[in-house]
Amino acid sequence: MISAGSKRTAKRMILCSLVFLAVFYFVLTQIGLGLRVLFPGMSLYAGNDDVLITAIHQLMYSRLSGFFLISIIGACISTANSQLLLIGSSLSYDVLSKIGTRKMEEDRILWLTRLFVFLGGTASLIFSFNPPADTLSYGGDIWGVFSVFFFPLVYGALYFKRGTKAGAYAAFIAGAVSGAAFFYMPLDIHWAFPATICSTAAYVLVSLKGSRKKEEDA
């Protein structure tokens, strides 16, 4: 989004990404459900995280099995690489370089990026020593936190022109409170959905209230 040439390009990029991800994950879900139907006994020795790998490498073994297995491993490495780069660049360029009045030199930003990549990779390695029982649920909770806190801020900045700084703070606080409340509730849907709705509603309502007050004062 930062590298986009204009706001219109950024909006198109987000829409295309959403369409691609929706189609991609829908296809993966159908493949996983189909494998469960074809091999109903697989649930006895393969968890939710190992369905595709177990089916390709053991149940449907062929000359292409190694190719598909390497593709999955490559996707995992690519994802980890992009996440570490995101951690490093965000903390160094978007956070530390904006603190203070003096402009930070590029060499120092690059050094900080490498430092945060090292720290993020080390922390990930430590967490991997005791992995969660269900990686999919754990990943859903992690991305749920990002959705609750950053969905109204990112999309609101692009599509809601009347957004204010007070609305952003309200969305952050509402997301924290509602997320903590819904996380422990026995819901039929993921807790992040209602929490994201609450944070988005807080962003819109507080922003509208602030913009109306400015108009009345003017």
N, C-alpha and C. Protein backbone atom coordinates (compact mmCIF):
# COMPACT_ATOMS: atom_id res chain seq x y z
N MET A 1 0.82 -1.20 0.00
CA MET A 1 0.00 0.00 0.00
C MET A 1 0.86 1.26 0.00
N ILE A 2 1.99 1.22 0.74
CA ILE A 2 2.85 2.39 0.78
C ILE A 2 3.48 2.65 -0.58
N SER A 3 3.81 1.59 -1.31
CA SER A 3 4.48 1.74 -2.60
C SER A 3 3.52 2.02 -3.75
N ALA A 4 2.22 2.02 -3.48
CA ALA A 4 1.25 2.27 -4.54
C ALA A 4 1.38 3.69 -5.07
N GLY A 5 1.15 3.84 -6.38
CA GLY A 5 1.31 5.15 -7.00
C GLY A 5 0.24 6.15 -6.59
N SER A 6 -0.94 5.67 -6.26
CA SER A 6 -2.03 6.56 -5.86
C SER A 6 -2.99 5.79 -4.96
N LYS A 7 -3.93 6.54 -4.38
CA LYS A 7 -4.92 5.90 -3.51
C LYS A 7 -5.82 4.97 -4.32
N ARG A 8 -6.08 5.32 -5.56
CA ARG A 8 -6.90 4.46 -6.42
C ARG A 8 -6.21 3.13 -6.68
N THR A 9 -4.91 3.16 -6.91
CA THR A 9 -4.16 1.92 -7.11
C THR A 9 -4.17 1.07 -5.85
N ALA A 10 -4.05 1.71 -4.69
CA ALA A 10 -4.08 0.97 -3.42
C ALA A 10 -5.43 0.29 -3.21
N LYS A 11 -6.51 0.99 -3.54
CA LYS A 11 -7.84 0.40 -3.40
C LYS A 11 -8.00 -0.80 -4.32
N ARG A 12 -7.55 -0.66 -5.57
CA ARG A 12 -7.64 -1.78 -6.50
C ARG A 12 -6.80 -2.97 -6.03
N MET A 13 -5.64 -2.69 -5.48
CA MET A 13 -4.78 -3.75 -4.99
C MET A 13 -5.46 -4.53 -3.86
N ILE A 14 -6.11 -3.81 -2.95
CA ILE A 14 -6.80 -4.47 -1.84
C ILE A 14 -7.96 -5.31 -2.34
N LEU A 15 -8.75 -4.78 -3.27
CA LEU A 15 -9.88 -5.53 -3.81
C LEU A 15 -9.41 -6.79 -4.54
N CYS A 16 -8.37 -6.66 -5.35
CA CYS A 16 -7.85 -7.83 -6.07
C CYS A 16 -7.29 -8.86 -5.10
N SER A 17 -6.63 -8.39 -4.05
CA SER A 17 -6.08 -9.32 -3.05
C SER A 17 -7.18 -10.07 -2.32
N LEU A 18 -8.26 -9.36 -1.98
CA LEU A 18 -9.38 -10.01 -1.31
C LEU A 18 -10.04 -11.07 -2.19
N VAL A 19 -10.22 -10.74 -3.46
CA VAL A 19 -10.81 -11.72 -4.39
C VAL A 19 -9.91 -12.93 -4.55
N PHE A 20 -8.61 -12.70 -4.72
CA PHE A 20 -7.68 -13.81 -4.88
C PHE A 20 -7.65 -14.70 -3.64
N LEU A 21 -7.58 -14.08 -2.45
CA LEU A 21 -7.53 -14.86 -1.23
C LEU A 21 -8.82 -15.64 -1.00
N ALA A 22 -9.95 -15.02 -1.32
CA ALA A 22 -11.23 -15.72 -1.15
C ALA A 22 -11.29 -16.97 -2.04
N VAL A 23 -10.90 -16.81 -3.30
CA VAL A 23 -10.91 -17.96 -4.23
C VAL A 23 -9.89 -19.01 -3.80
N PHE A 24 -8.70 -18.55 -3.43
CA PHE A 24 -7.62 -19.48 -3.08
C PHE A 24 -7.99 -20.31 -1.85
N TYR A 25 -8.48 -19.66 -0.80
CA TYR A 25 -8.82 -20.39 0.42
C TYR A 25 -10.08 -21.24 0.24
N PHE A 26 -10.99 -20.81 -0.62
CA PHE A 26 -12.15 -21.64 -0.91
C PHE A 26 -11.73 -22.94 -1.58
N VAL A 27 -10.79 -22.84 -2.52
CA VAL A 27 -10.30 -24.05 -3.20
C VAL A 27 -9.57 -24.95 -2.21
N LEU A 28 -8.74 -24.38 -1.35
CA LEU A 28 -8.04 -25.19 -0.36
C LEU A 28 -9.01 -25.87 0.60
N THR A 29 -10.05 -25.16 0.99
CA THR A 29 -11.05 -25.76 1.88
C THR A 29 -11.76 -26.92 1.21
N GLN A 30 -12.12 -26.75 -0.04
CA GLN A 30 -12.79 -27.85 -0.75
C GLN A 30 -11.87 -29.04 -0.93
N ILE A 31 -10.59 -28.80 -1.17
CA ILE A 31 -9.64 -29.91 -1.29
C ILE A 31 -9.52 -30.66 0.03
N GLY A 32 -9.42 -29.91 1.13
CA GLY A 32 -9.33 -30.55 2.44
C GLY A 32 -10.57 -31.36 2.78
N LEU A 33 -11.76 -30.81 2.49
CA LEU A 33 -13.00 -31.56 2.76
C LEU A 33 -13.09 -32.79 1.87
N GLY A 34 -12.65 -32.66 0.61
CA GLY A 34 -12.67 -33.81 -0.28
C GLY A 34 -11.74 -34.91 0.19
N LEU A 35 -10.57 -34.54 0.72
CA LEU A 35 -9.65 -35.54 1.25
C LEU A 35 -10.23 -36.23 2.47
N ARG A 36 -10.96 -35.50 3.28
CA ARG A 36 -11.61 -36.11 4.44
C ARG A 36 -12.65 -37.15 4.00
N VAL A 37 -13.35 -36.85 2.90
CA VAL A 37 -14.36 -37.79 2.40
C VAL A 37 -13.70 -39.01 1.76
N LEU A 38 -12.65 -38.79 0.97
CA LEU A 38 -11.97 -39.91 0.32
C LEU A 38 -11.26 -40.80 1.31
N PHE A 39 -10.71 -40.22 2.35
CA PHE A 39 -9.96 -40.98 3.36
C PHE A 39 -10.52 -40.66 4.74
N PRO A 40 -11.68 -41.24 5.10
CA PRO A 40 -12.31 -40.90 6.38
C PRO A 40 -11.49 -41.30 7.60
N GLY A 41 -10.65 -42.32 7.44
CA GLY A 41 -9.84 -42.74 8.59
C GLY A 41 -8.61 -41.90 8.82
N MET A 42 -8.37 -40.90 7.97
CA MET A 42 -7.17 -40.08 8.11
C MET A 42 -7.20 -39.24 9.39
N SER A 43 -8.37 -38.95 9.89
CA SER A 43 -8.47 -38.13 11.09
C SER A 43 -7.91 -38.84 12.32
N LEU A 44 -7.73 -40.15 12.22
CA LEU A 44 -7.20 -40.90 13.37
C LEU A 44 -5.70 -40.68 13.55
N TYR A 45 -4.99 -40.37 12.49
CA TYR A 45 -3.54 -40.23 12.60
C TYR A 45 -3.01 -38.93 11.96
N ALA A 46 -3.89 -38.08 11.49
CA ALA A 46 -3.47 -36.80 10.90
C ALA A 46 -4.36 -35.69 11.43
N GLY A 47 -3.74 -34.65 11.97
CA GLY A 47 -4.50 -33.51 12.47
C GLY A 47 -4.92 -32.58 11.36
N ASN A 48 -5.58 -31.51 11.75
CA ASN A 48 -6.06 -30.55 10.74
C ASN A 48 -4.91 -29.89 9.98
N ASP A 49 -3.76 -29.75 10.63
CA ASP A 49 -2.63 -29.09 9.99
C ASP A 49 -1.89 -30.00 9.02
N ASP A 50 -2.12 -31.31 9.10
CA ASP A 50 -1.33 -32.27 8.32
C ASP A 50 -2.15 -33.00 7.26
N VAL A 51 -3.35 -32.51 6.97
CA VAL A 51 -4.22 -33.23 6.03
C VAL A 51 -3.60 -33.29 4.64
N LEU A 52 -3.21 -32.13 4.11
CA LEU A 52 -2.68 -32.09 2.75
C LEU A 52 -1.35 -32.84 2.64
N ILE A 53 -0.46 -32.63 3.59
CA ILE A 53 0.85 -33.28 3.53
C ILE A 53 0.72 -34.79 3.65
N THR A 54 -0.13 -35.26 4.57
CA THR A 54 -0.31 -36.70 4.75
C THR A 54 -0.93 -37.34 3.51
N ALA A 55 -1.93 -36.67 2.93
CA ALA A 55 -2.60 -37.23 1.76
C ALA A 55 -1.66 -37.30 0.56
N ILE A 56 -0.88 -36.25 0.34
CA ILE A 56 -0.01 -36.21 -0.83
C ILE A 56 1.17 -37.16 -0.68
N HIS A 57 1.76 -37.20 0.52
CA HIS A 57 3.02 -37.93 0.70
C HIS A 57 2.80 -39.41 1.04
N GLN A 58 1.63 -39.78 1.56
CA GLN A 58 1.42 -41.16 1.99
C GLN A 58 0.25 -41.84 1.28
N LEU A 59 -0.89 -41.19 1.20
CA LEU A 59 -2.09 -41.86 0.69
C LEU A 59 -2.18 -41.81 -0.82
N MET A 60 -1.69 -40.76 -1.45
CA MET A 60 -1.74 -40.64 -2.90
C MET A 60 -0.32 -40.49 -3.45
N TYR A 61 0.56 -41.34 -3.02
CA TYR A 61 1.97 -41.21 -3.39
C TYR A 61 2.17 -41.49 -4.87
N SER A 62 2.92 -40.61 -5.53
CA SER A 62 3.26 -40.76 -6.94
C SER A 62 4.59 -40.08 -7.20
N ARG A 63 4.99 -40.02 -8.46
CA ARG A 63 6.25 -39.37 -8.79
C ARG A 63 6.20 -37.86 -8.56
N LEU A 64 5.00 -37.30 -8.52
CA LEU A 64 4.84 -35.86 -8.30
C LEU A 64 4.69 -35.50 -6.82
N SER A 65 4.65 -36.49 -5.94
CA SER A 65 4.44 -36.21 -4.52
C SER A 65 5.56 -35.35 -3.96
N GLY A 66 6.80 -35.66 -4.34
CA GLY A 66 7.91 -34.85 -3.85
C GLY A 66 7.83 -33.41 -4.32
N PHE A 67 7.36 -33.22 -5.56
CA PHE A 67 7.21 -31.86 -6.08
C PHE A 67 6.19 -31.07 -5.27
N PHE A 68 5.05 -31.70 -4.97
CA PHE A 68 4.02 -31.00 -4.19
C PHE A 68 4.49 -30.75 -2.77
N LEU A 69 5.23 -31.71 -2.19
CA LEU A 69 5.73 -31.52 -0.84
C LEU A 69 6.72 -30.37 -0.77
N ILE A 70 7.62 -30.28 -1.76
CA ILE A 70 8.57 -29.18 -1.81
C ILE A 70 7.84 -27.84 -2.02
N SER A 71 6.75 -27.86 -2.79
CA SER A 71 5.98 -26.63 -3.00
C SER A 71 5.38 -26.13 -1.70
N ILE A 72 4.87 -27.06 -0.87
CA ILE A 72 4.31 -26.67 0.42
C ILE A 72 5.39 -26.12 1.33
N ILE A 73 6.55 -26.78 1.36
CA ILE A 73 7.65 -26.29 2.20
C ILE A 73 8.13 -24.92 1.71
N GLY A 74 8.19 -24.75 0.38
CA GLY A 74 8.59 -23.45 -0.17
C GLY A 74 7.61 -22.34 0.21
N ALA A 75 6.32 -22.66 0.19
CA ALA A 75 5.32 -21.67 0.60
C ALA A 75 5.48 -21.29 2.07
N CYS A 76 5.80 -22.28 2.91
CA CYS A 76 6.02 -21.99 4.33
C CYS A 76 7.23 -21.09 4.53
N ILE A 77 8.32 -21.38 3.83
CA ILE A 77 9.53 -20.57 3.95
C ILE A 77 9.28 -19.16 3.43
N SER A 78 8.57 -19.05 2.30
CA SER A 78 8.27 -17.73 1.75
C SER A 78 7.42 -16.91 2.71
N THR A 79 6.44 -17.56 3.34
CA THR A 79 5.59 -16.85 4.30
C THR A 79 6.40 -16.38 5.50
N ALA A 80 7.25 -17.25 6.04
CA ALA A 80 8.08 -16.86 7.18
C ALA A 80 9.02 -15.72 6.81
N ASN A 81 9.58 -15.78 5.61
CA ASN A 81 10.49 -14.73 5.16
C ASN A 81 9.77 -13.38 5.07
N SER A 82 8.59 -13.39 4.47
CA SER A 82 7.84 -12.13 4.32
C SER A 82 7.42 -11.57 5.68
N GLN A 83 7.05 -12.45 6.61
CA GLN A 83 6.65 -11.98 7.94
C GLN A 83 7.82 -11.36 8.68
N LEU A 84 9.00 -11.96 8.59
CA LEU A 84 10.17 -11.40 9.25
C LEU A 84 10.56 -10.05 8.64
N LEU A 85 10.48 -9.95 7.32
CA LEU A 85 10.77 -8.67 6.67
C LEU A 85 9.75 -7.61 7.07
N LEU A 86 8.49 -8.02 7.21
CA LEU A 86 7.45 -7.08 7.63
C LEU A 86 7.72 -6.58 9.05
N ILE A 87 8.12 -7.49 9.94
CA ILE A 87 8.44 -7.08 11.31
C ILE A 87 9.60 -6.09 11.32
N GLY A 88 10.66 -6.41 10.58
CA GLY A 88 11.82 -5.55 10.58
C GLY A 88 11.55 -4.18 9.98
N SER A 89 10.92 -4.14 8.81
CA SER A 89 10.68 -2.86 8.15
C SER A 89 9.65 -2.01 8.89
N SER A 90 8.63 -2.65 9.45
CA SER A 90 7.60 -1.88 10.16
C SER A 90 8.15 -1.22 11.42
N LEU A 91 8.89 -1.99 12.22
CA LEU A 91 9.40 -1.43 13.47
C LEU A 91 10.49 -0.40 13.24
N SER A 92 11.32 -0.62 12.22
CA SER A 92 12.42 0.32 11.99
C SER A 92 11.96 1.56 11.22
N TYR A 93 11.24 1.36 10.12
CA TYR A 93 10.87 2.49 9.25
C TYR A 93 9.60 3.19 9.71
N ASP A 94 8.56 2.41 10.05
CA ASP A 94 7.27 3.02 10.37
C ASP A 94 7.17 3.49 11.81
N VAL A 95 8.00 2.94 12.71
CA VAL A 95 7.88 3.30 14.13
C VAL A 95 9.07 4.14 14.58
N LEU A 96 10.27 3.53 14.63
CA LEU A 96 11.41 4.22 15.22
C LEU A 96 11.85 5.42 14.38
N SER A 97 11.79 5.31 13.05
CA SER A 97 12.23 6.44 12.23
C SER A 97 11.31 7.65 12.33
N LYS A 98 10.07 7.44 12.81
CA LYS A 98 9.12 8.54 12.93
C LYS A 98 9.17 9.21 14.30
N ILE A 99 9.94 8.60 15.22
CA ILE A 99 10.06 9.16 16.56
C ILE A 99 11.17 10.22 16.57
N GLY A 100 10.86 11.36 17.09
CA GLY A 100 11.86 12.43 17.14
C GLY A 100 11.74 13.36 15.94
N THR A 101 12.47 14.46 16.01
CA THR A 101 12.41 15.47 14.96
C THR A 101 13.48 15.26 13.89
N ARG A 102 14.58 14.64 14.25
CA ARG A 102 15.67 14.42 13.30
C ARG A 102 15.35 13.23 12.40
N LYS A 103 15.68 13.37 11.13
CA LYS A 103 15.46 12.30 10.17
C LYS A 103 16.55 11.23 10.32
N MET A 104 16.13 9.99 10.43
CA MET A 104 17.07 8.90 10.62
C MET A 104 17.72 8.53 9.29
N GLU A 105 19.02 8.28 9.33
CA GLU A 105 19.75 7.93 8.13
C GLU A 105 19.38 6.52 7.66
N GLU A 106 19.52 6.30 6.34
CA GLU A 106 19.13 5.01 5.76
C GLU A 106 19.98 3.85 6.30
N ASP A 107 21.27 4.11 6.56
CA ASP A 107 22.13 3.04 7.08
C ASP A 107 21.66 2.60 8.46
N ARG A 108 21.22 3.55 9.27
CA ARG A 108 20.74 3.19 10.60
C ARG A 108 19.41 2.44 10.52
N ILE A 109 18.52 2.86 9.60
CA ILE A 109 17.26 2.15 9.41
C ILE A 109 17.52 0.72 8.95
N LEU A 110 18.50 0.55 8.04
CA LEU A 110 18.84 -0.79 7.57
C LEU A 110 19.39 -1.65 8.70
N TRP A 111 20.23 -1.05 9.56
CA TRP A 111 20.78 -1.79 10.70
C TRP A 111 19.67 -2.21 11.67
N LEU A 112 18.74 -1.30 11.93
CA LEU A 112 17.62 -1.63 12.82
C LEU A 112 16.73 -2.70 12.20
N THR A 113 16.53 -2.66 10.90
CA THR A 113 15.73 -3.68 10.23
C THR A 113 16.35 -5.06 10.42
N ARG A 114 17.66 -5.15 10.23
CA ARG A 114 18.35 -6.42 10.44
C ARG A 114 18.24 -6.88 11.88
N LEU A 115 18.34 -5.94 12.82
CA LEU A 115 18.23 -6.29 14.23
C LEU A 115 16.85 -6.85 14.56
N PHE A 116 15.79 -6.21 14.07
CA PHE A 116 14.45 -6.67 14.36
C PHE A 116 14.14 -7.99 13.64
N VAL A 117 14.71 -8.20 12.46
CA VAL A 117 14.55 -9.49 11.80
C VAL A 117 15.19 -10.59 12.63
N PHE A 118 16.38 -10.31 13.18
CA PHE A 118 17.06 -11.29 14.04
C PHE A 118 16.24 -11.56 15.30
N LEU A 119 15.73 -10.52 15.94
CA LEU A 119 14.94 -10.70 17.16
C LEU A 119 13.64 -11.44 16.87
N GLY A 120 12.98 -11.09 15.75
CA GLY A 120 11.74 -11.78 15.40
C GLY A 120 11.97 -13.24 15.08
N GLY A 121 13.05 -13.54 14.34
CA GLY A 121 13.36 -14.93 14.04
C GLY A 121 13.72 -15.72 15.27
N THR A 122 14.46 -15.09 16.19
CA THR A 122 14.81 -15.77 17.45
C THR A 122 13.57 -16.06 18.29
N ALA A 123 12.68 -15.08 18.38
CA ALA A 123 11.44 -15.29 19.13
C ALA A 123 10.59 -16.40 18.50
N SER A 124 10.52 -16.43 17.18
CA SER A 124 9.77 -17.48 16.50
C SER A 124 10.38 -18.85 16.76
N LEU A 125 11.71 -18.92 16.77
CA LEU A 125 12.38 -20.18 17.06
C LEU A 125 12.08 -20.66 18.48
N ILE A 126 12.06 -19.73 19.42
CA ILE A 126 11.76 -20.10 20.81
C ILE A 126 10.32 -20.60 20.93
N PHE A 127 9.38 -19.93 20.26
CA PHE A 127 7.99 -20.37 20.30
C PHE A 127 7.80 -21.73 19.65
N SER A 128 8.64 -22.05 18.66
CA SER A 128 8.49 -23.33 17.97
C SER A 128 8.90 -24.52 18.82
N PHE A 129 9.60 -24.28 19.92
CA PHE A 129 9.98 -25.39 20.80
C PHE A 129 8.76 -26.01 21.48
N ASN A 130 7.73 -25.20 21.67
CA ASN A 130 6.50 -25.69 22.29
C ASN A 130 5.32 -25.25 21.43
N PRO A 131 5.13 -25.87 20.26
CA PRO A 131 4.08 -25.42 19.34
C PRO A 131 2.70 -25.72 19.88
N PRO A 132 1.69 -24.96 19.45
CA PRO A 132 0.31 -25.23 19.89
C PRO A 132 -0.21 -26.53 19.28
N ALA A 133 -1.21 -27.10 19.91
CA ALA A 133 -1.77 -28.37 19.43
C ALA A 133 -2.43 -28.21 18.06
N ASP A 134 -3.04 -27.07 17.81
CA ASP A 134 -3.74 -26.82 16.55
C ASP A 134 -3.22 -25.50 15.97
N THR A 135 -2.36 -25.60 14.97
CA THR A 135 -1.76 -24.40 14.40
C THR A 135 -2.78 -23.54 13.69
N LEU A 136 -3.79 -24.16 13.06
CA LEU A 136 -4.80 -23.40 12.34
C LEU A 136 -5.59 -22.49 13.29
N SER A 137 -6.01 -23.04 14.41
CA SER A 137 -6.75 -22.24 15.39
C SER A 137 -5.86 -21.15 15.99
N TYR A 138 -4.62 -21.51 16.24
CA TYR A 138 -3.68 -20.53 16.79
C TYR A 138 -3.45 -19.39 15.79
N GLY A 139 -3.25 -19.74 14.51
CA GLY A 139 -3.09 -18.72 13.49
C GLY A 139 -4.34 -17.87 13.31
N GLY A 140 -5.52 -18.52 13.44
CA GLY A 140 -6.76 -17.77 13.36
C GLY A 140 -6.89 -16.74 14.47
N ASP A 141 -6.43 -17.08 15.66
CA ASP A 141 -6.48 -16.13 16.78
C ASP A 141 -5.50 -14.98 16.56
N ILE A 142 -4.30 -15.31 16.03
CA ILE A 142 -3.31 -14.26 15.79
C ILE A 142 -3.82 -13.27 14.75
N TRP A 143 -4.30 -13.78 13.62
CA TRP A 143 -4.80 -12.89 12.58
C TRP A 143 -6.11 -12.23 12.99
N GLY A 144 -6.84 -12.88 13.92
CA GLY A 144 -8.03 -12.24 14.46
C GLY A 144 -7.69 -10.98 15.22
N VAL A 145 -6.58 -11.01 15.96
CA VAL A 145 -6.14 -9.82 16.69
C VAL A 145 -5.80 -8.69 15.72
N PHE A 146 -5.09 -9.03 14.63
CA PHE A 146 -4.77 -8.02 13.62
C PHE A 146 -6.04 -7.46 12.99
N SER A 147 -7.02 -8.32 12.74
CA SER A 147 -8.27 -7.86 12.14
C SER A 147 -9.02 -6.91 13.06
N VAL A 148 -9.08 -7.25 14.34
CA VAL A 148 -9.82 -6.43 15.29
C VAL A 148 -9.20 -5.04 15.42
N PHE A 149 -7.87 -4.98 15.48
CA PHE A 149 -7.21 -3.70 15.75
C PHE A 149 -6.95 -2.88 14.49
N PHE A 150 -6.64 -3.53 13.37
CA PHE A 150 -6.16 -2.79 12.21
C PHE A 150 -7.14 -2.74 11.05
N PHE A 151 -8.17 -3.58 11.03
CA PHE A 151 -9.13 -3.53 9.93
C PHE A 151 -9.80 -2.16 9.80
N PRO A 152 -10.37 -1.60 10.87
CA PRO A 152 -11.01 -0.27 10.70
C PRO A 152 -10.00 0.83 10.40
N LEU A 153 -8.77 0.69 10.87
CA LEU A 153 -7.78 1.75 10.64
C LEU A 153 -7.29 1.74 9.19
N VAL A 154 -6.98 0.55 8.67
CA VAL A 154 -6.45 0.47 7.31
C VAL A 154 -7.52 0.79 6.28
N TYR A 155 -8.65 0.11 6.37
CA TYR A 155 -9.70 0.32 5.38
C TYR A 155 -10.42 1.65 5.60
N GLY A 156 -10.50 2.07 6.85
CA GLY A 156 -11.12 3.37 7.11
C GLY A 156 -10.33 4.51 6.52
N ALA A 157 -9.00 4.40 6.58
CA ALA A 157 -8.16 5.46 6.01
C ALA A 157 -8.30 5.55 4.50
N LEU A 158 -8.65 4.44 3.86
CA LEU A 158 -8.78 4.43 2.41
C LEU A 158 -10.19 4.79 1.93
N TYR A 159 -11.19 4.25 2.61
CA TYR A 159 -12.55 4.35 2.10
C TYR A 159 -13.45 5.30 2.89
N PHE A 160 -13.05 5.69 4.09
CA PHE A 160 -13.89 6.55 4.91
C PHE A 160 -13.17 7.88 5.10
N LYS A 161 -13.58 8.88 4.33
CA LYS A 161 -12.87 10.15 4.30
C LYS A 161 -13.09 10.97 5.56
N ARG A 162 -14.12 10.66 6.33
CA ARG A 162 -14.41 11.45 7.53
C ARG A 162 -13.78 10.86 8.78
N GLY A 163 -12.89 9.90 8.59
CA GLY A 163 -12.22 9.30 9.74
C GLY A 163 -11.32 10.28 10.47
N THR A 164 -11.24 10.16 11.79
CA THR A 164 -10.45 11.07 12.61
C THR A 164 -9.52 10.26 13.51
N LYS A 165 -8.59 10.99 14.13
CA LYS A 165 -7.65 10.34 15.05
C LYS A 165 -8.39 9.82 16.29
N ALA A 166 -9.39 10.57 16.75
CA ALA A 166 -10.19 10.10 17.89
C ALA A 166 -10.92 8.81 17.55
N GLY A 167 -11.40 8.69 16.31
CA GLY A 167 -12.05 7.46 15.89
C GLY A 167 -11.09 6.29 15.88
N ALA A 168 -9.83 6.54 15.50
CA ALA A 168 -8.83 5.47 15.51
C ALA A 168 -8.55 5.00 16.92
N TYR A 169 -8.42 5.93 17.86
CA TYR A 169 -8.22 5.54 19.26
C TYR A 169 -9.42 4.77 19.80
N ALA A 170 -10.61 5.24 19.44
CA ALA A 170 -11.83 4.55 19.89
C ALA A 170 -11.90 3.13 19.33
N ALA A 171 -11.51 2.96 18.07
CA ALA A 171 -11.52 1.63 17.46
C ALA A 171 -10.53 0.71 18.16
N PHE A 172 -9.37 1.24 18.51
CA PHE A 172 -8.36 0.43 19.20
C PHE A 172 -8.86 -0.01 20.57
N ILE A 173 -9.46 0.91 21.32
CA ILE A 173 -9.95 0.58 22.66
C ILE A 173 -11.14 -0.37 22.58
N ALA A 174 -12.08 -0.09 21.68
CA ALA A 174 -13.25 -0.96 21.53
C ALA A 174 -12.84 -2.35 21.07
N GLY A 175 -11.83 -2.43 20.19
CA GLY A 175 -11.36 -3.73 19.74
C GLY A 175 -10.73 -4.53 20.86
N ALA A 176 -9.96 -3.86 21.73
CA ALA A 176 -9.33 -4.55 22.85
C ALA A 176 -10.37 -5.08 23.84
N VAL A 177 -11.35 -4.25 24.17
CA VAL A 177 -12.37 -4.66 25.14
C VAL A 177 -13.28 -5.76 24.58
N SER A 178 -13.80 -5.54 23.37
CA SER A 178 -14.71 -6.53 22.78
C SER A 178 -13.98 -7.82 22.44
N GLY A 179 -12.72 -7.72 21.98
CA GLY A 179 -11.96 -8.93 21.68
C GLY A 179 -11.73 -9.78 22.92
N ALA A 180 -11.38 -9.14 24.02
CA ALA A 180 -11.19 -9.88 25.28
C ALA A 180 -12.49 -10.50 25.76
N ALA A 181 -13.61 -9.82 25.53
CA ALA A 181 -14.91 -10.34 25.97
C ALA A 181 -15.37 -11.50 25.10
N PHE A 182 -15.29 -11.36 23.78
CA PHE A 182 -15.77 -12.41 22.88
C PHE A 182 -14.86 -13.62 22.83
N PHE A 183 -13.60 -13.45 23.20
CA PHE A 183 -12.65 -14.56 23.12
C PHE A 183 -13.06 -15.72 24.04
N TYR A 184 -13.64 -15.41 25.17
CA TYR A 184 -14.00 -16.45 26.14
C TYR A 184 -15.47 -16.84 26.05
N MET A 185 -16.20 -16.29 25.09
CA MET A 185 -17.61 -16.65 24.93
C MET A 185 -17.76 -17.86 24.02
N PRO A 186 -18.68 -18.77 24.33
CA PRO A 186 -18.94 -19.92 23.44
C PRO A 186 -19.77 -19.50 22.23
N LEU A 187 -19.12 -19.06 21.18
CA LEU A 187 -19.80 -18.57 19.99
C LEU A 187 -19.76 -19.60 18.87
N ASP A 188 -20.74 -19.52 17.96
CA ASP A 188 -20.76 -20.40 16.79
C ASP A 188 -19.85 -19.89 15.67
N ILE A 189 -19.37 -18.67 15.79
CA ILE A 189 -18.47 -18.08 14.81
C ILE A 189 -17.18 -17.69 15.53
N HIS A 190 -16.17 -17.34 14.74
CA HIS A 190 -14.90 -16.93 15.33
C HIS A 190 -15.08 -15.62 16.08
N TRP A 191 -14.42 -15.52 17.23
CA TRP A 191 -14.60 -14.35 18.09
C TRP A 191 -14.17 -13.05 17.41
N ALA A 192 -13.30 -13.13 16.41
CA ALA A 192 -12.81 -11.91 15.77
C ALA A 192 -13.87 -11.20 14.94
N PHE A 193 -14.87 -11.95 14.43
CA PHE A 193 -15.90 -11.32 13.61
C PHE A 193 -16.70 -10.29 14.40
N PRO A 194 -17.34 -10.65 15.52
CA PRO A 194 -18.08 -9.61 16.27
C PRO A 194 -17.17 -8.54 16.85
N ALA A 195 -15.94 -8.90 17.23
CA ALA A 195 -15.03 -7.90 17.78
C ALA A 195 -14.62 -6.88 16.72
N THR A 196 -14.41 -7.35 15.48
CA THR A 196 -14.07 -6.43 14.39
C THR A 196 -15.24 -5.51 14.07
N ILE A 197 -16.46 -6.04 14.14
CA ILE A 197 -17.64 -5.21 13.92
C ILE A 197 -17.72 -4.11 14.98
N CYS A 198 -17.42 -4.45 16.23
CA CYS A 198 -17.46 -3.46 17.31
C CYS A 198 -16.40 -2.38 17.11
N SER A 199 -15.17 -2.78 16.77
CA SER A 199 -14.11 -1.79 16.57
C SER A 199 -14.40 -0.90 15.37
N THR A 200 -14.95 -1.48 14.30
CA THR A 200 -15.30 -0.68 13.12
C THR A 200 -16.42 0.29 13.42
N ALA A 201 -17.43 -0.18 14.17
CA ALA A 201 -18.53 0.70 14.55
C ALA A 201 -18.04 1.87 15.41
N ALA A 202 -17.12 1.58 16.34
CA ALA A 202 -16.57 2.65 17.18
C ALA A 202 -15.81 3.66 16.33
N TYR A 203 -15.06 3.18 15.35
CA TYR A 203 -14.30 4.08 14.47
C TYR A 203 -15.23 5.00 13.69
N VAL A 204 -16.30 4.44 13.13
CA VAL A 204 -17.21 5.22 12.31
C VAL A 204 -18.00 6.21 13.17
N LEU A 205 -18.55 5.75 14.28
CA LEU A 205 -19.41 6.61 15.10
C LEU A 205 -18.62 7.77 15.72
N VAL A 206 -17.46 7.47 16.29
CA VAL A 206 -16.66 8.53 16.91
C VAL A 206 -16.15 9.51 15.85
N SER A 207 -15.77 9.00 14.68
CA SER A 207 -15.30 9.89 13.61
C SER A 207 -16.42 10.80 13.12
N LEU A 208 -17.63 10.24 12.95
CA LEU A 208 -18.76 11.06 12.52
C LEU A 208 -19.11 12.12 13.56
N LYS A 209 -19.04 11.74 14.82
CA LYS A 209 -19.34 12.68 15.88
C LYS A 209 -18.33 13.81 15.88
N GLY A 210 -17.04 13.47 15.72
CA GLY A 210 -16.01 14.50 15.72
C GLY A 210 -16.10 15.42 14.51
N SER A 211 -16.40 14.86 13.34
CA SER A 211 -16.50 15.69 12.13
C SER A 211 -17.73 16.61 12.20
N ARG A 212 -18.83 16.13 12.77
CA ARG A 212 -20.01 16.99 12.93
C ARG A 212 -19.74 18.13 13.88
N LYS A 213 -18.98 17.84 14.93
CA LYS A 213 -18.67 18.89 15.90
C LYS A 213 -17.80 19.96 15.25
N LYS A 214 -16.87 19.56 14.40
CA LYS A 214 -16.04 20.55 13.71
C LYS A 214 -16.87 21.41 12.76
N GLU A 215 -17.84 20.78 12.10
CA GLU A 215 -18.69 21.53 11.18
C GLU A 215 -19.56 22.54 11.94
N GLU A 216 -20.04 22.13 13.12
CA GLU A 216 -20.86 23.05 13.91
C GLU A 216 -20.04 24.23 14.44
N ASP A 217 -18.78 23.92 14.86
CA ASP A 217 -17.92 25.00 15.35
C ASP A 217 -17.55 25.97 14.24
N ALA A 218 -17.42 25.41 13.01
CA ALA A 218 -17.05 26.27 11.87
C ALA A 218 -18.23 27.16 11.48
